[in-house]
Protein backbone atom coordinates (compact mmCIF):
# COMPACT_ATOMS: atom_id res chain seq x y z
CA UNK A 1 0.00 0.00 0.00
CA UNK A 2 1.50 3.34 -1.02
CA UNK A 3 0.99 6.53 0.88
CA UNK A 4 -0.54 9.44 -0.99
CA UNK A 5 1.77 12.28 -1.91
CA UNK A 6 1.33 15.41 0.16
CA UNK A 7 -0.46 18.26 -1.55
CA UNK A 8 1.81 20.83 -3.10
CA UNK A 9 2.01 23.96 -0.96
CA UNK A 10 0.84 27.19 -2.47
CA UNK A 11 2.85 30.39 -2.39
CA UNK A 12 1.71 32.80 0.27
CA UNK A 13 3.00 35.88 -1.54
CA UNK A 14 2.88 36.53 -5.26
CA UNK A 15 5.66 38.06 -7.32
CA UNK A 16 3.62 41.26 -7.40
CA UNK A 17 3.53 41.25 -3.56
CA UNK A 18 7.32 41.10 -3.42
CA UNK A 19 7.54 44.05 -5.82
CA UNK A 20 5.09 46.11 -3.74
CA UNK A 21 6.87 45.37 -0.46
CA UNK A 22 10.20 46.22 -2.07
CA UNK A 23 8.78 49.52 -3.33
CA UNK A 24 7.52 50.37 0.16
CA UNK A 25 10.96 49.60 1.60
CA UNK A 26 12.54 51.81 -1.05
CA UNK A 27 10.61 54.77 0.38
CA UNK A 28 11.18 53.74 4.02
CA UNK A 29 14.95 53.13 3.85
CA UNK A 30 15.96 56.83 3.58
CA UNK A 31 14.07 57.60 6.80
CA UNK A 32 16.11 55.07 8.80
CA UNK A 33 19.44 55.22 6.99
CA UNK A 34 21.38 55.91 10.18
CA UNK A 35 19.33 53.61 12.41
CA UNK A 36 20.43 50.29 13.84
CA UNK A 37 18.07 48.29 11.66
CA UNK A 38 18.94 50.02 8.40
CA UNK A 39 21.33 47.24 7.34
CA UNK A 40 18.69 44.59 8.02
CA UNK A 41 16.12 46.47 5.97
CA UNK A 42 18.64 47.04 3.16
CA UNK A 43 19.37 43.29 3.04
CA UNK A 44 15.65 42.53 3.02
CA UNK A 45 15.21 44.99 0.15
CA UNK A 46 17.80 43.13 -1.91
CA UNK A 47 16.41 39.68 -1.04
CA UNK A 48 12.94 40.80 -2.13
CA UNK A 49 14.40 41.97 -5.43
CA UNK A 50 15.89 38.54 -5.98
CA UNK A 51 12.61 36.83 -5.06
CA UNK A 52 10.63 39.05 -7.42
CA UNK A 53 12.81 37.91 -10.34
CA UNK A 54 11.99 34.23 -9.78
C-alpha atoms as a PDB file:
ATOM      1  CA  UNK A   1       0.000   0.000   0.000  1.00  0.00           C
ATOM      2  CA  UNK A   2       1.500   3.343  -1.020  1.00  0.00           C
ATOM      3  CA  UNK A   3       0.989   6.528   0.883  1.00  0.00           C
ATOM      4  CA  UNK A   4      -0.540   9.442  -0.991  1.00  0.00           C
ATOM      5  CA  UNK A   5       1.775  12.276  -1.913  1.00  0.00           C
ATOM      6  CA  UNK A   6       1.329  15.411   0.165  1.00  0.00           C
ATOM      7  CA  UNK A   7      -0.459  18.255  -1.552  1.00  0.00           C
ATOM      8  CA  UNK A   8       1.811  20.835  -3.099  1.00  0.00           C
ATOM      9  CA  UNK A   9       2.012  23.955  -0.958  1.00  0.00           C
ATOM     10  CA  UNK A  10       0.836  27.195  -2.473  1.00  0.00           C
ATOM     11  CA  UNK A  11       2.851  30.389  -2.395  1.00  0.00           C
ATOM     12  CA  UNK A  12       1.708  32.800   0.275  1.00  0.00           C
ATOM     13  CA  UNK A  13       3.001  35.877  -1.543  1.00  0.00           C
ATOM     14  CA  UNK A  14       2.881  36.533  -5.261  1.00  0.00           C
ATOM     15  CA  UNK A  15       5.658  38.059  -7.321  1.00  0.00           C
ATOM     16  CA  UNK A  16       3.622  41.257  -7.395  1.00  0.00           C
ATOM     17  CA  UNK A  17       3.526  41.250  -3.564  1.00  0.00           C
ATOM     18  CA  UNK A  18       7.324  41.105  -3.423  1.00  0.00           C
ATOM     19  CA  UNK A  19       7.538  44.046  -5.815  1.00  0.00           C
ATOM     20  CA  UNK A  20       5.094  46.106  -3.735  1.00  0.00           C
ATOM     21  CA  UNK A  21       6.871  45.368  -0.459  1.00  0.00           C
ATOM     22  CA  UNK A  22      10.199  46.223  -2.066  1.00  0.00           C
ATOM     23  CA  UNK A  23       8.785  49.519  -3.332  1.00  0.00           C
ATOM     24  CA  UNK A  24       7.519  50.369   0.162  1.00  0.00           C
ATOM     25  CA  UNK A  25      10.963  49.603   1.598  1.00  0.00           C
ATOM     26  CA  UNK A  26      12.541  51.811  -1.054  1.00  0.00           C
ATOM     27  CA  UNK A  27      10.612  54.766   0.380  1.00  0.00           C
ATOM     28  CA  UNK A  28      11.183  53.739   4.015  1.00  0.00           C
ATOM     29  CA  UNK A  29      14.951  53.128   3.845  1.00  0.00           C
ATOM     30  CA  UNK A  30      15.962  56.826   3.578  1.00  0.00           C
ATOM     31  CA  UNK A  31      14.067  57.595   6.799  1.00  0.00           C
ATOM     32  CA  UNK A  32      16.106  55.070   8.801  1.00  0.00           C
ATOM     33  CA  UNK A  33      19.445  55.218   6.995  1.00  0.00           C
ATOM     34  CA  UNK A  34      21.376  55.914  10.184  1.00  0.00           C
ATOM     35  CA  UNK A  35      19.325  53.615  12.406  1.00  0.00           C
ATOM     36  CA  UNK A  36      20.435  50.287  13.837  1.00  0.00           C
ATOM     37  CA  UNK A  37      18.068  48.290  11.663  1.00  0.00           C
ATOM     38  CA  UNK A  38      18.940  50.021   8.401  1.00  0.00           C
ATOM     39  CA  UNK A  39      21.326  47.240   7.339  1.00  0.00           C
ATOM     40  CA  UNK A  40      18.691  44.588   8.023  1.00  0.00           C
ATOM     41  CA  UNK A  41      16.120  46.467   5.967  1.00  0.00           C
ATOM     42  CA  UNK A  42      18.643  47.035   3.162  1.00  0.00           C
ATOM     43  CA  UNK A  43      19.371  43.294   3.043  1.00  0.00           C
ATOM     44  CA  UNK A  44      15.648  42.529   3.021  1.00  0.00           C
ATOM     45  CA  UNK A  45      15.212  44.992   0.153  1.00  0.00           C
ATOM     46  CA  UNK A  46      17.804  43.130  -1.915  1.00  0.00           C
ATOM     47  CA  UNK A  47      16.408  39.676  -1.045  1.00  0.00           C
ATOM     48  CA  UNK A  48      12.941  40.799  -2.125  1.00  0.00           C
ATOM     49  CA  UNK A  49      14.404  41.970  -5.432  1.00  0.00           C
ATOM     50  CA  UNK A  50      15.887  38.538  -5.976  1.00  0.00           C
ATOM     51  CA  UNK A  51      12.612  36.826  -5.062  1.00  0.00           C
ATOM     52  CA  UNK A  52      10.632  39.051  -7.416  1.00  0.00           C
ATOM     53  CA  UNK A  53      12.805  37.911 -10.336  1.00  0.00           C
ATOM     54  CA  UNK A  54      11.988  34.228  -9.780  1.00  0.00           C
END
